[in-house]
Amino acid sequence: MDEYKILLVDDDPVAIETVTGSLKGNGYNLTITGDGKSAIDLIIKEKFDLILSELVVGSFDGLEILNKSKEINPATSTIIVTAKPERINATDLIELDIDAYLFKPCDPEKILTCVNHCIEEARMKSSGADTRRHDRRKKSDPNYTGPERRTGNRRKQFF
């Protein structure tokens, strides 16, 4: 998994330690920053497969960071993390094509499951595999009535 580059954007030392232990222990190549501006600088300079960002990083909005990453590389998977679920706006998640979101405190297993899921979907998408369940189902299900509500070709994942 070392070939997958992940950018962690968070200013909470406990969250950084939790995510680092979970992902580095499972072979992911992890870059960490606790500052929104340096996160954007890193996104401009390097290609990341996945960006895991806190919703608020200092005075920076994590959604801005993820929006910038999608502008530069639309194939980048994105996960938002927050301790304040009431601040998550579903419209923003859909418009920015955020792949998943996690609520703090995050269980290391949930983090790993979420990251693995996003990486697997990205791998399938880049290989040309169809990740849309409704496309596979419509050929075999006579009761199929149409696609499920989605954004793009992926469902938003809640972990």
C-alpha atoms as a PDB file:
ATOM      1  CA  MET A   1       0.000   0.000   0.000  1.00  0.00           C
ATOM      2  CA  ASP A   2       3.054   2.202   0.197  1.00  0.00           C
ATOM      3  CA  GLU A   3       2.333   3.369  -3.334  1.00  0.00           C
ATOM      4  CA  TYR A   4      -0.752   5.235  -2.100  1.00  0.00           C
ATOM      5  CA  LYS A   5      -0.011   8.759  -0.919  1.00  0.00           C
ATOM      6  CA  ILE A   6      -2.278  10.216   1.727  1.00  0.00           C
ATOM      7  CA  LEU A   7      -2.282  13.791   3.001  1.00  0.00           C
ATOM      8  CA  LEU A   8      -3.555  14.252   6.555  1.00  0.00           C
ATOM      9  CA  VAL A   9      -4.593  17.818   7.383  1.00  0.00           C
ATOM     10  CA  ASP A  10      -5.310  18.234  11.083  1.00  0.00           C
ATOM     11  CA  ASP A  11      -4.058  20.376  13.951  1.00  0.00           C
ATOM     12  CA  ASP A  12      -5.171  18.030  16.746  1.00  0.00           C
ATOM     13  CA  PRO A  13      -2.197  16.022  18.093  1.00  0.00           C
ATOM     14  CA  VAL A  14      -4.439  13.193  19.353  1.00  0.00           C
ATOM     15  CA  ALA A  15      -6.136  12.844  15.958  1.00  0.00           C
ATOM     16  CA  ILE A  16      -2.769  12.937  14.195  1.00  0.00           C
ATOM     17  CA  GLU A  17      -1.432  10.188  16.458  1.00  0.00           C
ATOM     18  CA  THR A  18      -4.544   8.036  15.930  1.00  0.00           C
ATOM     19  CA  VAL A  19      -4.545   8.384  12.155  1.00  0.00           C
ATOM     20  CA  THR A  20      -0.787   7.984  11.875  1.00  0.00           C
ATOM     21  CA  GLY A  21      -0.819   4.782  13.916  1.00  0.00           C
ATOM     22  CA  SER A  22      -3.686   3.340  11.924  1.00  0.00           C
ATOM     23  CA  LEU A  23      -2.439   4.197   8.431  1.00  0.00           C
ATOM     24  CA  LYS A  24       1.350   3.934   8.713  1.00  0.00           C
ATOM     25  CA  GLY A  25       0.912   0.655  10.569  1.00  0.00           C
ATOM     26  CA  ASN A  26      -0.920  -0.633   7.496  1.00  0.00           C
ATOM     27  CA  GLY A  27       1.650   0.491   4.953  1.00  0.00           C
ATOM     28  CA  TYR A  28       0.250   3.796   3.698  1.00  0.00           C
ATOM     29  CA  ASN A  29       2.603   6.638   2.731  1.00  0.00           C
ATOM     30  CA  LEU A  30       1.390   9.487   4.942  1.00  0.00           C
ATOM     31  CA  THR A  31       2.218  13.211   4.782  1.00  0.00           C
ATOM     32  CA  ILE A  32       0.987  15.330   7.689  1.00  0.00           C
ATOM     33  CA  THR A  33       0.351  19.046   7.999  1.00  0.00           C
ATOM     34  CA  GLY A  34      -1.504  21.020  10.631  1.00  0.00           C
ATOM     35  CA  ASP A  35      -1.939  24.134   8.554  1.00  0.00           C
ATOM     36  CA  GLY A  36      -4.385  24.881   5.738  1.00  0.00           C
ATOM     37  CA  LYS A  37      -2.013  27.007   3.679  1.00  0.00           C
ATOM     38  CA  SER A  38       0.758  24.413   3.732  1.00  0.00           C
ATOM     39  CA  ALA A  39      -1.847  21.766   2.839  1.00  0.00           C
ATOM     40  CA  ILE A  40      -2.762  23.679  -0.302  1.00  0.00           C
ATOM     41  CA  ASP A  41       0.922  24.201  -1.121  1.00  0.00           C
ATOM     42  CA  LEU A  42       1.504  20.446  -0.786  1.00  0.00           C
ATOM     43  CA  ILE A  43      -1.524  19.671  -2.979  1.00  0.00           C
ATOM     44  CA  ILE A  44      -0.152  21.975  -5.684  1.00  0.00           C
ATOM     45  CA  LYS A  45       3.340  20.428  -5.525  1.00  0.00           C
ATOM     46  CA  GLU A  46       2.524  16.735  -5.048  1.00  0.00           C
ATOM     47  CA  LYS A  47      -0.077  14.249  -6.243  1.00  0.00           C
ATOM     48  CA  PHE A  48      -2.024  12.599  -3.423  1.00  0.00           C
ATOM     49  CA  ASP A  49      -4.342   9.633  -3.843  1.00  0.00           C
ATOM     50  CA  LEU A  50      -6.388  10.605  -0.805  1.00  0.00           C
ATOM     51  CA  ILE A  51      -6.739  13.672   1.387  1.00  0.00           C
ATOM     52  CA  LEU A  52      -8.074  13.316   4.920  1.00  0.00           C
ATOM     53  CA  SER A  53      -8.860  16.751   6.353  1.00  0.00           C
ATOM     54  CA  GLU A  54     -10.380  18.135   9.520  1.00  0.00           C
ATOM     55  CA  LEU A  55     -13.386  20.364   8.803  1.00  0.00           C
ATOM     56  CA  VAL A  56     -11.682  23.295  10.538  1.00  0.00           C
ATOM     57  CA  VAL A  57      -7.875  23.558  10.563  1.00  0.00           C
ATOM     58  CA  GLY A  58      -6.907  26.645  12.532  1.00  0.00           C
ATOM     59  CA  SER A  59      -8.572  29.529  10.713  1.00  0.00           C
ATOM     60  CA  PHE A  60      -8.820  27.461   7.522  1.00  0.00           C
ATOM     61  CA  ASP A  61     -11.907  25.701   6.203  1.00  0.00           C
ATOM     62  CA  GLY A  62     -11.149  22.050   5.422  1.00  0.00           C
ATOM     63  CA  LEU A  63     -13.703  22.148   2.608  1.00  0.00           C
ATOM     64  CA  GLU A  64     -11.562  24.780   0.861  1.00  0.00           C
ATOM     65  CA  ILE A  65      -8.615  22.411   1.040  1.00  0.00           C
ATOM     66  CA  LEU A  66     -10.633  19.529  -0.410  1.00  0.00           C
ATOM     67  CA  ASN A  67     -12.131  21.796  -3.079  1.00  0.00           C
ATOM     68  CA  LYS A  68      -8.635  22.848  -4.161  1.00  0.00           C
ATOM     69  CA  SER A  69      -7.542  19.209  -4.321  1.00  0.00           C
ATOM     70  CA  LYS A  70     -10.504  18.351  -6.576  1.00  0.00           C
ATOM     71  CA  GLU A  71      -9.667  21.345  -8.830  1.00  0.00           C
ATOM     72  CA  ILE A  72      -6.094  20.155  -9.261  1.00  0.00           C
ATOM     73  CA  ASN A  73      -6.801  16.423  -9.454  1.00  0.00           C
ATOM     74  CA  PRO A  74     -10.474  15.379  -9.626  1.00  0.00           C
ATOM     75  CA  ALA A  75      -9.493  11.739  -9.093  1.00  0.00           C
ATOM     76  CA  THR A  76      -8.190  12.452  -5.589  1.00  0.00           C
ATOM     77  CA  SER A  77     -10.324  10.750  -2.943  1.00  0.00           C
ATOM     78  CA  THR A  78     -11.381  13.013  -0.093  1.00  0.00           C
ATOM     79  CA  ILE A  79     -12.493  12.385   3.479  1.00  0.00           C
ATOM     80  CA  ILE A  80     -13.641  15.077   5.893  1.00  0.00           C
ATOM     81  CA  VAL A  81     -13.288  14.635   9.675  1.00  0.00           C
ATOM     82  CA  THR A  82     -15.040  16.704  12.318  1.00  0.00           C
ATOM     83  CA  ALA A  83     -15.741  16.832  16.030  1.00  0.00           C
ATOM     84  CA  LYS A  84     -18.816  18.956  15.270  1.00  0.00           C
ATOM     85  CA  PRO A  85     -21.208  16.985  13.033  1.00  0.00           C
ATOM     86  CA  GLU A  86     -23.737  19.829  13.108  1.00  0.00           C
ATOM     87  CA  ARG A  87     -21.296  21.861  10.987  1.00  0.00           C
ATOM     88  CA  ILE A  88     -21.440  19.372   8.110  1.00  0.00           C
ATOM     89  CA  ASN A  89     -23.587  20.655   5.284  1.00  0.00           C
ATOM     90  CA  ALA A  90     -24.814  17.855   3.017  1.00  0.00           C
ATOM     91  CA  THR A  91     -24.976  20.230   0.043  1.00  0.00           C
ATOM     92  CA  ASP A  92     -21.265  21.039   0.410  1.00  0.00           C
ATOM     93  CA  LEU A  93     -20.390  17.351   0.590  1.00  0.00           C
ATOM     94  CA  ILE A  94     -22.306  16.654  -2.601  1.00  0.00           C
ATOM     95  CA  GLU A  95     -21.069  19.707  -4.522  1.00  0.00           C
ATOM     96  CA  LEU A  96     -17.434  19.058  -3.582  1.00  0.00           C
ATOM     97  CA  ASP A  97     -17.777  15.325  -4.250  1.00  0.00           C
ATOM     98  CA  ILE A  98     -16.442  14.410  -0.797  1.00  0.00           C
ATOM     99  CA  ASP A  99     -16.074  10.625  -0.683  1.00  0.00           C
ATOM    100  CA  ALA A 100     -16.654  10.072   3.026  1.00  0.00           C
ATOM    101  CA  TYR A 101     -16.812  11.745   6.399  1.00  0.00           C
ATOM    102  CA  LEU A 102     -15.851  10.682   9.903  1.00  0.00           C
ATOM    103  CA  PHE A 103     -16.860  11.989  13.306  1.00  0.00           C
ATOM    104  CA  LYS A 104     -14.297  12.488  16.063  1.00  0.00           C
ATOM    105  CA  PRO A 105     -13.245  10.766  18.146  1.00  0.00           C
ATOM    106  CA  CYS A 106     -12.343   8.319  15.383  1.00  0.00           C
ATOM    107  CA  ASP A 107     -11.798   4.673  16.061  1.00  0.00           C
ATOM    108  CA  PRO A 108      -8.580   3.542  14.294  1.00  0.00           C
ATOM    109  CA  GLU A 109     -10.450   0.623  12.679  1.00  0.00           C
ATOM    110  CA  LYS A 110     -13.081   2.990  11.250  1.00  0.00           C
ATOM    111  CA  ILE A 111     -10.370   5.235   9.846  1.00  0.00           C
ATOM    112  CA  LEU A 112      -8.654   2.289   8.204  1.00  0.00           C
ATOM    113  CA  THR A 113     -11.942   0.891   6.850  1.00  0.00           C
ATOM    114  CA  CYS A 114     -12.887   4.280   5.408  1.00  0.00           C
ATOM    115  CA  VAL A 115      -9.477   4.846   3.806  1.00  0.00           C
ATOM    116  CA  ASN A 116      -9.354   1.302   2.408  1.00  0.00           C
ATOM    117  CA  HIS A 117     -12.828   1.757   0.929  1.00  0.00           C
ATOM    118  CA  CYS A 118     -11.925   5.054  -0.748  1.00  0.00           C
ATOM    119  CA  ILE A 119      -8.648   3.647  -2.097  1.00  0.00           C
ATOM    120  CA  GLU A 120     -10.418   0.549  -3.444  1.00  0.00           C
ATOM    121  CA  GLU A 121     -13.065   2.656  -5.194  1.00  0.00           C
ATOM    122  CA  ALA A 122     -10.350   4.845  -6.717  1.00  0.00           C
ATOM    123  CA  ARG A 123      -8.446   1.755  -7.848  1.00  0.00           C
ATOM    124  CA  MET A 124     -11.562   0.267  -9.457  1.00  0.00           C
ATOM    125  CA  LYS A 125     -12.412   3.558 -11.124  1.00  0.00           C
ATOM    126  CA  SER A 126      -8.897   4.015 -12.538  1.00  0.00           C
ATOM    127  CA  SER A 127      -8.901   0.453 -13.853  1.00  0.00           C
ATOM    128  CA  GLY A 128     -12.130   1.121 -15.730  1.00  0.00           C
ATOM    129  CA  ALA A 129     -14.263  -1.102 -13.490  1.00  0.00           C
ATOM    130  CA  ASP A 130     -17.835   0.064 -13.092  1.00  0.00           C
ATOM    131  CA  THR A 131     -18.451   0.957  -9.450  1.00  0.00           C
ATOM    132  CA  ARG A 132     -22.088   1.872  -9.987  1.00  0.00           C
ATOM    133  CA  ARG A 133     -24.307  -0.739  -8.432  1.00  0.00           C
ATOM    134  CA  HIS A 134     -27.328   0.310 -10.499  1.00  0.00           C
ATOM    135  CA  ASP A 135     -25.506  -0.399 -13.772  1.00  0.00           C
ATOM    136  CA  ARG A 136     -24.687  -3.944 -12.703  1.00  0.00           C
ATOM    137  CA  ARG A 137     -28.115  -4.527 -11.223  1.00  0.00           C
ATOM    138  CA  LYS A 138     -30.240  -3.297 -14.121  1.00  0.00           C
ATOM    139  CA  LYS A 139     -29.067  -6.148 -16.322  1.00  0.00           C
ATOM    140  CA  SER A 140     -30.176  -8.836 -13.899  1.00  0.00           C
ATOM    141  CA  ASP A 141     -33.055  -7.344 -11.876  1.00  0.00           C
ATOM    142  CA  PRO A 142     -36.453  -7.231 -13.615  1.00  0.00           C
ATOM    143  CA  ASN A 143     -37.768  -4.940 -10.838  1.00  0.00           C
ATOM    144  CA  TYR A 144     -35.047  -2.347 -11.336  1.00  0.00           C
ATOM    145  CA  THR A 145     -36.558   1.129 -11.538  1.00  0.00           C
ATOM    146  CA  GLY A 146     -33.517   3.371 -11.889  1.00  0.00           C
ATOM    147  CA  PRO A 147     -30.357   4.576 -10.216  1.00  0.00           C
ATOM    148  CA  GLU A 148     -30.209   5.174  -6.509  1.00  0.00           C
ATOM    149  CA  ARG A 149     -29.623   8.736  -5.388  1.00  0.00           C
ATOM    150  CA  ARG A 150     -25.921   9.360  -5.873  1.00  0.00           C
ATOM    151  CA  THR A 151     -23.393  12.016  -6.594  1.00  0.00           C
ATOM    152  CA  GLY A 152     -21.336  11.165  -9.618  1.00  0.00           C
ATOM    153  CA  ASN A 153     -20.922   7.436  -9.527  1.00  0.00           C
ATOM    154  CA  ARG A 154     -20.218   7.034  -5.798  1.00  0.00           C
ATOM    155  CA  ARG A 155     -22.318   7.077  -2.662  1.00  0.00           C
ATOM    156  CA  LYS A 156     -21.264   9.227   0.230  1.00  0.00           C
ATOM    157  CA  GLN A 157     -19.909   7.022   2.976  1.00  0.00           C
ATOM    158  CA  PHE A 158     -20.620   7.647   6.640  1.00  0.00           C
ATOM    159  CA  PHE A 159     -18.265   5.948   9.084  1.00  0.00           C
END
